[in-house]
């Protein structure tokens, strides 16, 4: 991978809304090469004055809930209002081949070709938070390129995926109706993080089931701890195929943003997110520095074998590693 552009070239291209420059910039920050990481850090620092004005929306849900279909319908609705929409779609990576399907563009046929939209599929590559390590930086690049709505589609529902809330303003949880007990299997952590819930596929014979599920979820939310800002999460129903309920979801998010802006919660939340990003990146950098020490990987591998064989405890093994530093 070659990056002939310099920082001023990237800045100029992003200011012009160049999709080619945006794509190259995201590729740059996703690179693991040391020289690219240095250039990426300089680029992110340089674009900070151009960021912070977009609404960042995280969307998650179980496989089959229709995330991509919903995002296409929702994105086209926003574009119809004059918005510019960027979608960062995080695809699951194979734990065996390390490959990724990256098929979101084929599932968002209208959105992927619209001049006011940008879709960037990225492999999760084992990231447990449902987002890649560079998703936050990619969000900043999209904002610098003039996109005012950033949608982050995450891998799927899991306890660790609540980390998406650390890089977004609004966390939307998509749910299915008619799949048995409506509350069975819902992760409490996910529910507590959600700023809004949407029951998808509310069309045809499924409308009544969706309405019943809406009531069940709304009641369940009352048993969760209150939102620190005083916001009360809402539950909506929609059909992405019929485009019904999409405007109501948009109105819910706008209501949330207005509420959280008025009480200065969003400003404080983004400050906390910046600190979280620093701590996470610092931990990752320290880990890289640690494992770059000659012979340390081999010693850790031997300790892992000793633990598996029952010759030492994890606690003792960690103390041995600490003694090697």
C-alpha atoms as a PDB file:
ATOM      1  CA  UNK A   1       0.000   0.000   0.000  1.00  0.00           C
ATOM      2  CA  UNK A   2       1.428   3.345  -1.033  1.00  0.00           C
ATOM      3  CA  UNK A   3       0.441   6.738   0.332  1.00  0.00           C
ATOM      4  CA  UNK A   4       1.899   9.465  -1.847  1.00  0.00           C
ATOM      5  CA  UNK A   5      -0.385  12.134  -0.424  1.00  0.00           C
ATOM      6  CA  UNK A   6       0.898  14.439   2.280  1.00  0.00           C
ATOM      7  CA  UNK A   7      -1.146  15.921   5.137  1.00  0.00           C
ATOM      8  CA  UNK A   8      -2.084  19.136   3.238  1.00  0.00           C
ATOM      9  CA  UNK A   9      -3.313  16.995   0.318  1.00  0.00           C
ATOM     10  CA  UNK A  10      -5.515  14.932   2.614  1.00  0.00           C
ATOM     11  CA  UNK A  11      -6.907  18.066   4.289  1.00  0.00           C
ATOM     12  CA  UNK A  12      -7.680  19.719   0.949  1.00  0.00           C
ATOM     13  CA  UNK A  13      -9.382  16.597  -0.379  1.00  0.00           C
ATOM     14  CA  UNK A  14     -11.475  16.092   2.766  1.00  0.00           C
ATOM     15  CA  UNK A  15     -12.588  19.735   2.762  1.00  0.00           C
ATOM     16  CA  UNK A  16     -13.750  19.260  -0.836  1.00  0.00           C
ATOM     17  CA  UNK A  17     -15.703  16.181   0.190  1.00  0.00           C
ATOM     18  CA  UNK A  18     -13.599  13.918  -2.014  1.00  0.00           C
ATOM     19  CA  UNK A  19     -14.717  10.301  -1.533  1.00  0.00           C
ATOM     20  CA  UNK A  20     -11.441   9.057  -3.004  1.00  0.00           C
ATOM     21  CA  UNK A  21      -9.445  11.040  -0.445  1.00  0.00           C
ATOM     22  CA  UNK A  22     -11.726   9.890   2.391  1.00  0.00           C
ATOM     23  CA  UNK A  23     -11.311   6.254   1.351  1.00  0.00           C
ATOM     24  CA  UNK A  24      -7.530   6.582   1.182  1.00  0.00           C
ATOM     25  CA  UNK A  25      -7.442   8.333   4.553  1.00  0.00           C
ATOM     26  CA  UNK A  26      -9.415   5.523   6.209  1.00  0.00           C
ATOM     27  CA  UNK A  27      -7.150   2.943   4.578  1.00  0.00           C
ATOM     28  CA  UNK A  28      -4.196   4.877   5.990  1.00  0.00           C
ATOM     29  CA  UNK A  29      -5.463   4.862   9.570  1.00  0.00           C
ATOM     30  CA  UNK A  30      -6.303   1.151   9.330  1.00  0.00           C
ATOM     31  CA  UNK A  31      -2.746   0.303   8.284  1.00  0.00           C
ATOM     32  CA  UNK A  32      -0.551  -1.373  10.890  1.00  0.00           C
ATOM     33  CA  UNK A  33       2.727  -0.152   9.382  1.00  0.00           C
ATOM     34  CA  UNK A  34       4.635   2.167  11.735  1.00  0.00           C
ATOM     35  CA  UNK A  35       5.175   4.917   9.154  1.00  0.00           C
ATOM     36  CA  UNK A  36       1.486   4.885   8.242  1.00  0.00           C
ATOM     37  CA  UNK A  37       0.461   5.036  11.906  1.00  0.00           C
ATOM     38  CA  UNK A  38       2.636   8.117  12.394  1.00  0.00           C
ATOM     39  CA  UNK A  39       1.126   9.836   9.360  1.00  0.00           C
ATOM     40  CA  UNK A  40      -2.366   8.834  10.476  1.00  0.00           C
ATOM     41  CA  UNK A  41      -1.822  10.374  13.917  1.00  0.00           C
ATOM     42  CA  UNK A  42      -0.701  13.624  12.311  1.00  0.00           C
ATOM     43  CA  UNK A  43      -3.715  13.583  10.003  1.00  0.00           C
ATOM     44  CA  UNK A  44      -6.203  13.037  12.832  1.00  0.00           C
ATOM     45  CA  UNK A  45      -4.672  15.922  14.808  1.00  0.00           C
ATOM     46  CA  UNK A  46      -4.865  18.166  11.741  1.00  0.00           C
ATOM     47  CA  UNK A  47      -8.565  17.506  11.036  1.00  0.00           C
ATOM     48  CA  UNK A  48      -9.836  17.940  14.605  1.00  0.00           C
ATOM     49  CA  UNK A  49     -11.037  21.523  13.917  1.00  0.00           C
ATOM     50  CA  UNK A  50     -13.225  20.096  11.121  1.00  0.00           C
ATOM     51  CA  UNK A  51     -14.944  17.526  13.343  1.00  0.00           C
ATOM     52  CA  UNK A  52     -17.593  17.380  16.046  1.00  0.00           C
ATOM     53  CA  UNK A  53     -20.617  18.652  14.108  1.00  0.00           C
ATOM     54  CA  UNK A  54     -22.142  15.346  13.027  1.00  0.00           C
ATOM     55  CA  UNK A  55     -24.680  13.140  14.773  1.00  0.00           C
ATOM     56  CA  UNK A  56     -23.081   9.762  15.513  1.00  0.00           C
ATOM     57  CA  UNK A  57     -25.515   6.850  15.618  1.00  0.00           C
ATOM     58  CA  UNK A  58     -24.609   3.304  16.619  1.00  0.00           C
ATOM     59  CA  UNK A  59     -26.940   0.560  15.379  1.00  0.00           C
ATOM     60  CA  UNK A  60     -26.850  -3.014  16.564  1.00  0.00           C
ATOM     61  CA  UNK A  61     -29.096  -6.057  16.709  1.00  0.00           C
ATOM     62  CA  UNK A  62     -29.124  -9.815  16.436  1.00  0.00           C
ATOM     63  CA  UNK A  63     -28.319 -11.416  13.057  1.00  0.00           C
ATOM     64  CA  UNK A  64     -31.446 -11.457  10.895  1.00  0.00           C
ATOM     65  CA  UNK A  65     -32.989  -8.368  12.471  1.00  0.00           C
ATOM     66  CA  UNK A  66     -32.418  -6.449   9.245  1.00  0.00           C
ATOM     67  CA  UNK A  67     -29.707  -3.952  10.189  1.00  0.00           C
ATOM     68  CA  UNK A  68     -28.528  -3.282   6.651  1.00  0.00           C
ATOM     69  CA  UNK A  69     -32.078  -3.007   5.285  1.00  0.00           C
ATOM     70  CA  UNK A  70     -33.034  -0.615   8.059  1.00  0.00           C
ATOM     71  CA  UNK A  71     -29.908   1.497   7.517  1.00  0.00           C
ATOM     72  CA  UNK A  72     -30.634   1.769   3.798  1.00  0.00           C
ATOM     73  CA  UNK A  73     -34.205   2.916   4.419  1.00  0.00           C
ATOM     74  CA  UNK A  74     -33.194   5.235   7.247  1.00  0.00           C
ATOM     75  CA  UNK A  75     -30.238   6.628   5.295  1.00  0.00           C
ATOM     76  CA  UNK A  76     -32.363   7.401   2.217  1.00  0.00           C
ATOM     77  CA  UNK A  77     -34.888   9.124   4.492  1.00  0.00           C
ATOM     78  CA  UNK A  78     -32.143  11.351   5.909  1.00  0.00           C
ATOM     79  CA  UNK A  79     -30.788  12.129   2.439  1.00  0.00           C
ATOM     80  CA  UNK A  80     -34.311  13.142   1.443  1.00  0.00           C
ATOM     81  CA  UNK A  81     -34.036  15.781   4.168  1.00  0.00           C
ATOM     82  CA  UNK A  82     -30.803  17.102   2.709  1.00  0.00           C
ATOM     83  CA  UNK A  83     -28.427  15.176   4.969  1.00  0.00           C
ATOM     84  CA  UNK A  84     -25.114  13.582   4.000  1.00  0.00           C
ATOM     85  CA  UNK A  85     -24.847  10.078   5.431  1.00  0.00           C
ATOM     86  CA  UNK A  86     -21.750   7.982   6.068  1.00  0.00           C
ATOM     87  CA  UNK A  87     -22.087   4.330   7.064  1.00  0.00           C
ATOM     88  CA  UNK A  88     -19.219   2.504   8.742  1.00  0.00           C
ATOM     89  CA  UNK A  89     -20.278  -1.133   8.518  1.00  0.00           C
ATOM     90  CA  UNK A  90     -18.247  -3.502  10.698  1.00  0.00           C
ATOM     91  CA  UNK A  91     -18.270  -7.018   9.260  1.00  0.00           C
ATOM     92  CA  UNK A  92     -17.425 -10.110  11.302  1.00  0.00           C
ATOM     93  CA  UNK A  93     -14.023 -11.579  10.458  1.00  0.00           C
ATOM     94  CA  UNK A  94     -13.431 -15.278  10.218  1.00  0.00           C
ATOM     95  CA  UNK A  95     -11.496 -16.592  13.214  1.00  0.00           C
ATOM     96  CA  UNK A  96      -9.963 -19.199  10.901  1.00  0.00           C
ATOM     97  CA  UNK A  97      -9.172 -17.415   7.645  1.00  0.00           C
ATOM     98  CA  UNK A  98      -9.221 -13.885   9.094  1.00  0.00           C
ATOM     99  CA  UNK A  99     -11.326 -12.954   6.061  1.00  0.00           C
ATOM    100  CA  UNK A 100     -14.441 -10.809   5.992  1.00  0.00           C
ATOM    101  CA  UNK A 101     -17.555 -10.848   3.844  1.00  0.00           C
ATOM    102  CA  UNK A 102     -17.698  -7.069   3.430  1.00  0.00           C
ATOM    103  CA  UNK A 103     -21.040  -7.403   1.674  1.00  0.00           C
ATOM    104  CA  UNK A 104     -22.847  -4.366   3.052  1.00  0.00           C
ATOM    105  CA  UNK A 105     -22.646  -2.413  -0.177  1.00  0.00           C
ATOM    106  CA  UNK A 106     -24.528  -5.156  -1.995  1.00  0.00           C
ATOM    107  CA  UNK A 107     -27.242  -5.060   0.682  1.00  0.00           C
ATOM    108  CA  UNK A 108     -27.637  -1.271   0.436  1.00  0.00           C
ATOM    109  CA  UNK A 109     -28.153  -0.895  -3.298  1.00  0.00           C
ATOM    110  CA  UNK A 110     -29.699   2.590  -3.305  1.00  0.00           C
ATOM    111  CA  UNK A 111     -27.580   4.072  -0.548  1.00  0.00           C
ATOM    112  CA  UNK A 112     -24.290   2.739  -1.928  1.00  0.00           C
ATOM    113  CA  UNK A 113     -24.640   4.635  -5.224  1.00  0.00           C
ATOM    114  CA  UNK A 114     -26.132   7.883  -3.899  1.00  0.00           C
ATOM    115  CA  UNK A 115     -23.780  10.891  -4.159  1.00  0.00           C
ATOM    116  CA  UNK A 116     -24.788  12.043  -0.653  1.00  0.00           C
ATOM    117  CA  UNK A 117     -23.832   8.724   0.939  1.00  0.00           C
ATOM    118  CA  UNK A 118     -20.613   6.917   1.757  1.00  0.00           C
ATOM    119  CA  UNK A 119     -20.405   3.291   2.846  1.00  0.00           C
ATOM    120  CA  UNK A 120     -17.205   1.853   4.208  1.00  0.00           C
ATOM    121  CA  UNK A 121     -17.150  -1.828   5.180  1.00  0.00           C
ATOM    122  CA  UNK A 122     -14.331  -2.802   7.523  1.00  0.00           C
ATOM    123  CA  UNK A 123     -13.423  -6.152   9.015  1.00  0.00           C
ATOM    124  CA  UNK A 124     -13.808  -6.379  12.785  1.00  0.00           C
ATOM    125  CA  UNK A 125     -10.643  -8.527  12.877  1.00  0.00           C
ATOM    126  CA  UNK A 126     -11.334  -9.946  16.311  1.00  0.00           C
ATOM    127  CA  UNK A 127     -12.243  -6.679  18.013  1.00  0.00           C
ATOM    128  CA  UNK A 128     -14.483  -7.652  20.928  1.00  0.00           C
ATOM    129  CA  UNK A 129     -16.269  -4.336  21.130  1.00  0.00           C
ATOM    130  CA  UNK A 130     -18.199  -4.857  17.916  1.00  0.00           C
ATOM    131  CA  UNK A 131     -16.249  -2.004  16.347  1.00  0.00           C
ATOM    132  CA  UNK A 132     -12.722  -1.907  15.002  1.00  0.00           C
ATOM    133  CA  UNK A 133      -9.918  -0.114  16.826  1.00  0.00           C
ATOM    134  CA  UNK A 134      -9.952   2.571  14.126  1.00  0.00           C
ATOM    135  CA  UNK A 135     -13.704   3.137  13.908  1.00  0.00           C
ATOM    136  CA  UNK A 136     -13.540   6.308  15.990  1.00  0.00           C
ATOM    137  CA  UNK A 137     -10.833   7.785  13.772  1.00  0.00           C
ATOM    138  CA  UNK A 138     -12.812   6.834  10.649  1.00  0.00           C
ATOM    139  CA  UNK A 139     -15.780   8.699  12.136  1.00  0.00           C
ATOM    140  CA  UNK A 140     -13.679  11.837  12.512  1.00  0.00           C
ATOM    141  CA  UNK A 141     -12.511  11.570   8.904  1.00  0.00           C
ATOM    142  CA  UNK A 142     -16.112  11.286   7.688  1.00  0.00           C
ATOM    143  CA  UNK A 143     -17.024  14.405   9.671  1.00  0.00           C
ATOM    144  CA  UNK A 144     -14.081  16.285   8.174  1.00  0.00           C
ATOM    145  CA  UNK A 145     -15.347  15.283   4.719  1.00  0.00           C
ATOM    146  CA  UNK A 146     -18.671  16.990   5.413  1.00  0.00           C
ATOM    147  CA  UNK A 147     -20.918  14.106   6.453  1.00  0.00           C
ATOM    148  CA  UNK A 148     -23.383  15.280   9.098  1.00  0.00           C
ATOM    149  CA  UNK A 149     -24.770  11.857  10.047  1.00  0.00           C
ATOM    150  CA  UNK A 150     -22.435   8.956  10.821  1.00  0.00           C
ATOM    151  CA  UNK A 151     -24.008   5.515  11.223  1.00  0.00           C
ATOM    152  CA  UNK A 152     -21.947   2.712  12.724  1.00  0.00           C
ATOM    153  CA  UNK A 153     -23.379  -0.745  12.052  1.00  0.00           C
ATOM    154  CA  UNK A 154     -21.868  -3.217  14.483  1.00  0.00           C
ATOM    155  CA  UNK A 155     -21.252  -6.941  14.224  1.00  0.00           C
ATOM    156  CA  UNK A 156     -24.160  -8.158  16.338  1.00  0.00           C
ATOM    157  CA  UNK A 157     -25.455  -8.261  19.876  1.00  0.00           C
ATOM    158  CA  UNK A 158     -22.997  -9.402  22.528  1.00  0.00           C
ATOM    159  CA  UNK A 159     -22.194  -8.245  26.036  1.00  0.00           C
ATOM    160  CA  UNK A 160     -18.926  -6.643  24.919  1.00  0.00           C
ATOM    161  CA  UNK A 161     -20.559  -4.809  22.047  1.00  0.00           C
ATOM    162  CA  UNK A 162     -21.846  -2.128  24.387  1.00  0.00           C
ATOM    163  CA  UNK A 163     -18.489  -0.503  23.693  1.00  0.00           C
ATOM    164  CA  UNK A 164     -20.105   1.115  20.640  1.00  0.00           C
ATOM    165  CA  UNK A 165     -21.706   3.572  23.048  1.00  0.00           C
ATOM    166  CA  UNK A 166     -18.233   4.976  23.714  1.00  0.00           C
ATOM    167  CA  UNK A 167     -17.968   6.409  20.190  1.00  0.00           C
ATOM    168  CA  UNK A 168     -21.557   7.403  19.387  1.00  0.00           C
ATOM    169  CA  UNK A 169     -24.135   9.954  20.507  1.00  0.00           C
ATOM    170  CA  UNK A 170     -27.173   7.701  20.125  1.00  0.00           C
ATOM    171  CA  UNK A 171     -27.202   3.921  20.523  1.00  0.00           C
ATOM    172  CA  UNK A 172     -30.088   2.249  18.666  1.00  0.00           C
ATOM    173  CA  UNK A 173     -30.995  -1.360  19.374  1.00  0.00           C
ATOM    174  CA  UNK A 174     -32.971  -3.235  16.691  1.00  0.00           C
ATOM    175  CA  UNK A 175     -35.166  -6.089  17.885  1.00  0.00           C
ATOM    176  CA  UNK A 176     -37.359  -8.747  16.300  1.00  0.00           C
ATOM    177  CA  UNK A 177     -40.944  -9.593  17.174  1.00  0.00           C
ATOM    178  CA  UNK A 178     -42.589 -12.978  17.019  1.00  0.00           C
ATOM    179  CA  UNK A 179     -39.426 -14.944  17.811  1.00  0.00           C
ATOM    180  CA  UNK A 180     -40.777 -16.564  20.955  1.00  0.00           C
ATOM    181  CA  UNK A 181     -40.472 -14.931  24.376  1.00  0.00           C
ATOM    182  CA  UNK A 182     -39.800 -11.277  23.488  1.00  0.00           C
ATOM    183  CA  UNK A 183     -37.568 -10.717  26.486  1.00  0.00           C
ATOM    184  CA  UNK A 184     -35.714 -13.996  26.452  1.00  0.00           C
ATOM    185  CA  UNK A 185     -32.009 -13.768  25.729  1.00  0.00           C
ATOM    186  CA  UNK A 186     -31.787  -9.974  25.809  1.00  0.00           C
ATOM    187  CA  UNK A 187     -28.508  -8.854  27.300  1.00  0.00           C
ATOM    188  CA  UNK A 188     -29.134  -6.530  30.211  1.00  0.00           C
ATOM    189  CA  UNK A 189     -25.967  -4.571  29.408  1.00  0.00           C
ATOM    190  CA  UNK A 190     -27.172  -3.920  25.861  1.00  0.00           C
ATOM    191  CA  UNK A 191     -30.597  -2.807  27.089  1.00  0.00           C
ATOM    192  CA  UNK A 192     -29.049  -0.453  29.628  1.00  0.00           C
ATOM    193  CA  UNK A 193     -26.871   1.152  26.966  1.00  0.00           C
ATOM    194  CA  UNK A 194     -29.659   1.604  24.403  1.00  0.00           C
ATOM    195  CA  UNK A 195     -31.023   5.123  23.933  1.00  0.00           C
ATOM    196  CA  UNK A 196     -33.833   3.801  21.777  1.00  0.00           C
ATOM    197  CA  UNK A 197     -35.303   0.491  20.599  1.00  0.00           C
ATOM    198  CA  UNK A 198     -36.899  -0.314  17.246  1.00  0.00           C
ATOM    199  CA  UNK A 199     -38.969  -3.393  16.459  1.00  0.00           C
ATOM    200  CA  UNK A 200     -38.222  -4.188  12.824  1.00  0.00           C
ATOM    201  CA  UNK A 201     -40.185  -6.055  10.132  1.00  0.00           C
ATOM    202  CA  UNK A 202     -43.499  -4.634  11.394  1.00  0.00           C
ATOM    203  CA  UNK A 203     -45.424  -5.439   8.228  1.00  0.00           C
ATOM    204  CA  UNK A 204     -47.989  -7.926   6.983  1.00  0.00           C
ATOM    205  CA  UNK A 205     -49.103 -10.421   9.598  1.00  0.00           C
ATOM    206  CA  UNK A 206     -46.271  -9.364  11.866  1.00  0.00           C
ATOM    207  CA  UNK A 207     -47.712  -5.923  12.709  1.00  0.00           C
ATOM    208  CA  UNK A 208     -49.731  -7.119  15.705  1.00  0.00           C
ATOM    209  CA  UNK A 209     -46.742  -9.080  17.049  1.00  0.00           C
ATOM    210  CA  UNK A 210     -44.570  -5.991  16.666  1.00  0.00           C
ATOM    211  CA  UNK A 211     -47.053  -3.865  18.624  1.00  0.00           C
ATOM    212  CA  UNK A 212     -47.181  -6.451  21.399  1.00  0.00           C
ATOM    213  CA  UNK A 213     -43.385  -6.621  21.495  1.00  0.00           C
ATOM    214  CA  UNK A 214     -43.230  -2.827  21.719  1.00  0.00           C
ATOM    215  CA  UNK A 215     -45.330  -2.952  24.862  1.00  0.00           C
ATOM    216  CA  UNK A 216     -43.181  -5.726  26.366  1.00  0.00           C
ATOM    217  CA  UNK A 217     -39.939  -3.856  25.739  1.00  0.00           C
ATOM    218  CA  UNK A 218     -41.362  -0.562  26.987  1.00  0.00           C
ATOM    219  CA  UNK A 219     -42.351  -2.214  30.260  1.00  0.00           C
ATOM    220  CA  UNK A 220     -38.965  -3.907  30.561  1.00  0.00           C
ATOM    221  CA  UNK A 221     -37.178  -0.564  30.219  1.00  0.00           C
ATOM    222  CA  UNK A 222     -38.896   0.684  33.373  1.00  0.00           C
ATOM    223  CA  UNK A 223     -36.997  -1.919  35.408  1.00  0.00           C
ATOM    224  CA  UNK A 224     -33.616  -0.666  34.232  1.00  0.00           C
ATOM    225  CA  UNK A 225     -31.596   2.088  35.939  1.00  0.00           C
ATOM    226  CA  UNK A 226     -32.599   5.584  34.774  1.00  0.00           C
ATOM    227  CA  UNK A 227     -30.516   7.305  32.105  1.00  0.00           C
ATOM    228  CA  UNK A 228     -27.956   9.651  33.751  1.00  0.00           C
ATOM    229  CA  UNK A 229     -29.250  12.569  31.660  1.00  0.00           C
ATOM    230  CA  UNK A 230     -32.909  11.990  32.468  1.00  0.00           C
ATOM    231  CA  UNK A 231     -33.678  10.731  28.968  1.00  0.00           C
ATOM    232  CA  UNK A 232     -36.335   8.008  28.821  1.00  0.00           C
ATOM    233  CA  UNK A 233     -35.599   5.502  26.002  1.00  0.00           C
ATOM    234  CA  UNK A 234     -38.446   5.088  23.543  1.00  0.00           C
ATOM    235  CA  UNK A 235     -39.599   2.018  21.632  1.00  0.00           C
ATOM    236  CA  UNK A 236     -40.719   2.315  18.002  1.00  0.00           C
ATOM    237  CA  UNK A 237     -41.849  -0.122  15.327  1.00  0.00           C
ATOM    238  CA  UNK A 238     -40.992   0.092  11.648  1.00  0.00           C
ATOM    239  CA  UNK A 239     -40.948  -1.710   8.329  1.00  0.00           C
ATOM    240  CA  UNK A 240     -37.895  -1.001   6.226  1.00  0.00           C
ATOM    241  CA  UNK A 241     -39.503  -2.575   3.168  1.00  0.00           C
ATOM    242  CA  UNK A 242     -42.640  -0.470   3.418  1.00  0.00           C
ATOM    243  CA  UNK A 243     -40.695   2.543   4.747  1.00  0.00           C
ATOM    244  CA  UNK A 244     -43.207   2.881   7.557  1.00  0.00           C
ATOM    245  CA  UNK A 245     -42.110   4.122  10.967  1.00  0.00           C
ATOM    246  CA  UNK A 246     -38.760   5.410   9.655  1.00  0.00           C
ATOM    247  CA  UNK A 247     -39.745   9.051  10.133  1.00  0.00           C
ATOM    248  CA  UNK A 248     -40.770   8.257  13.711  1.00  0.00           C
ATOM    249  CA  UNK A 249     -37.346   6.768  14.414  1.00  0.00           C
ATOM    250  CA  UNK A 250     -35.715   9.879  12.977  1.00  0.00           C
ATOM    251  CA  UNK A 251     -37.946  12.078  15.150  1.00  0.00           C
ATOM    252  CA  UNK A 252     -36.968  10.071  18.244  1.00  0.00           C
ATOM    253  CA  UNK A 253     -33.262  10.597  17.554  1.00  0.00           C
ATOM    254  CA  UNK A 254     -33.781  14.320  16.907  1.00  0.00           C
ATOM    255  CA  UNK A 255     -35.711  14.596  20.168  1.00  0.00           C
ATOM    256  CA  UNK A 256     -32.846  12.853  21.971  1.00  0.00           C
ATOM    257  CA  UNK A 257     -30.202  15.148  20.475  1.00  0.00           C
ATOM    258  CA  UNK A 258     -32.223  18.254  21.389  1.00  0.00           C
ATOM    259  CA  UNK A 259     -32.751  16.967  24.945  1.00  0.00           C
ATOM    260  CA  UNK A 260     -29.105  16.070  25.460  1.00  0.00           C
ATOM    261  CA  UNK A 261     -27.838  19.287  23.892  1.00  0.00           C
ATOM    262  CA  UNK A 262     -30.061  21.439  26.087  1.00  0.00           C
ATOM    263  CA  UNK A 263     -28.727  19.890  29.294  1.00  0.00           C
ATOM    264  CA  UNK A 264     -25.114  19.824  27.991  1.00  0.00           C
ATOM    265  CA  UNK A 265     -25.000  16.047  28.331  1.00  0.00           C
ATOM    266  CA  UNK A 266     -23.645  15.491  24.805  1.00  0.00           C
ATOM    267  CA  UNK A 267     -20.688  17.803  25.401  1.00  0.00           C
ATOM    268  CA  UNK A 268     -19.769  15.955  28.590  1.00  0.00           C
ATOM    269  CA  UNK A 269     -20.332  12.575  26.948  1.00  0.00           C
ATOM    270  CA  UNK A 270     -17.929  13.360  24.115  1.00  0.00           C
ATOM    271  CA  UNK A 271     -15.286  14.529  26.589  1.00  0.00           C
ATOM    272  CA  UNK A 272     -15.583  11.211  28.394  1.00  0.00           C
ATOM    273  CA  UNK A 273     -15.421   9.360  25.066  1.00  0.00           C
ATOM    274  CA  UNK A 274     -12.168  11.137  24.197  1.00  0.00           C
ATOM    275  CA  UNK A 275     -10.648  10.032  27.506  1.00  0.00           C
ATOM    276  CA  UNK A 276     -11.880   6.482  26.933  1.00  0.00           C
ATOM    277  CA  UNK A 277     -10.267   6.494  23.472  1.00  0.00           C
ATOM    278  CA  UNK A 278      -6.982   7.679  24.984  1.00  0.00           C
ATOM    279  CA  UNK A 279      -7.003   4.940  27.611  1.00  0.00           C
ATOM    280  CA  UNK A 280      -7.859   2.246  25.092  1.00  0.00           C
ATOM    281  CA  UNK A 281      -5.235   3.332  22.588  1.00  0.00           C
ATOM    282  CA  UNK A 282      -2.652   3.690  25.359  1.00  0.00           C
ATOM    283  CA  UNK A 283      -3.342   0.145  26.563  1.00  0.00           C
ATOM    284  CA  UNK A 284      -3.009  -1.150  22.998  1.00  0.00           C
ATOM    285  CA  UNK A 285       0.237   0.763  22.446  1.00  0.00           C
ATOM    286  CA  UNK A 286       1.713  -0.471  25.724  1.00  0.00           C
ATOM    287  CA  UNK A 287       0.771  -3.998  24.749  1.00  0.00           C
ATOM    288  CA  UNK A 288       2.559  -3.605  21.409  1.00  0.00           C
ATOM    289  CA  UNK A 289       5.641  -2.225  23.130  1.00  0.00           C
ATOM    290  CA  UNK A 290       5.588  -5.065  25.635  1.00  0.00           C
ATOM    291  CA  UNK A 291       5.311  -7.805  23.025  1.00  0.00           C
ATOM    292  CA  UNK A 292       8.030  -6.235  20.901  1.00  0.00           C
ATOM    293  CA  UNK A 293      10.613  -7.162  23.531  1.00  0.00           C
ATOM    294  CA  UNK A 294      12.972  -9.878  22.242  1.00  0.00           C
ATOM    295  CA  UNK A 295      12.051 -13.335  23.448  1.00  0.00           C
ATOM    296  CA  UNK A 296       8.998 -12.244  25.435  1.00  0.00           C
ATOM    297  CA  UNK A 297       6.475 -13.860  23.087  1.00  0.00           C
ATOM    298  CA  UNK A 298       8.242 -17.191  23.392  1.00  0.00           C
ATOM    299  CA  UNK A 299       8.351 -16.930  27.190  1.00  0.00           C
ATOM    300  CA  UNK A 300       4.649 -16.117  27.325  1.00  0.00           C
ATOM    301  CA  UNK A 301       3.910 -19.063  25.044  1.00  0.00           C
ATOM    302  CA  UNK A 302       5.812 -21.337  27.423  1.00  0.00           C
ATOM    303  CA  UNK A 303       3.861 -19.934  30.372  1.00  0.00           C
ATOM    304  CA  UNK A 304       0.607 -20.623  28.532  1.00  0.00           C
ATOM    305  CA  UNK A 305       1.682 -24.214  28.040  1.00  0.00           C
ATOM    306  CA  UNK A 306       2.588 -24.474  31.749  1.00  0.00           C
ATOM    307  CA  UNK A 307      -0.851 -23.126  32.688  1.00  0.00           C
ATOM    308  CA  UNK A 308      -2.596 -25.606  30.366  1.00  0.00           C
ATOM    309  CA  UNK A 309      -0.556 -28.458  31.840  1.00  0.00           C
ATOM    310  CA  UNK A 310      -1.411 -27.369  35.371  1.00  0.00           C
ATOM    311  CA  UNK A 311       2.221 -26.657  36.300  1.00  0.00           C
ATOM    312  CA  UNK A 312       1.543 -23.031  37.253  1.00  0.00           C
ATOM    313  CA  UNK A 313      -1.379 -20.750  37.974  1.00  0.00           C
ATOM    314  CA  UNK A 314      -2.421 -17.732  35.829  1.00  0.00           C
ATOM    315  CA  UNK A 315      -1.621 -15.485  38.811  1.00  0.00           C
ATOM    316  CA  UNK A 316       1.921 -16.838  39.142  1.00  0.00           C
ATOM    317  CA  UNK A 317       2.416 -16.625  35.381  1.00  0.00           C
ATOM    318  CA  UNK A 318       1.483 -12.935  35.342  1.00  0.00           C
ATOM    319  CA  UNK A 319       3.914 -12.256  38.165  1.00  0.00           C
ATOM    320  CA  UNK A 320       6.662 -13.984  36.169  1.00  0.00           C
ATOM    321  CA  UNK A 321       5.877 -11.810  33.142  1.00  0.00           C
ATOM    322  CA  UNK A 322       6.000  -8.717  35.340  1.00  0.00           C
ATOM    323  CA  UNK A 323       9.441  -9.756  36.505  1.00  0.00           C
ATOM    324  CA  UNK A 324      10.638  -9.932  32.914  1.00  0.00           C
ATOM    325  CA  UNK A 325       9.680  -6.330  32.141  1.00  0.00           C
END
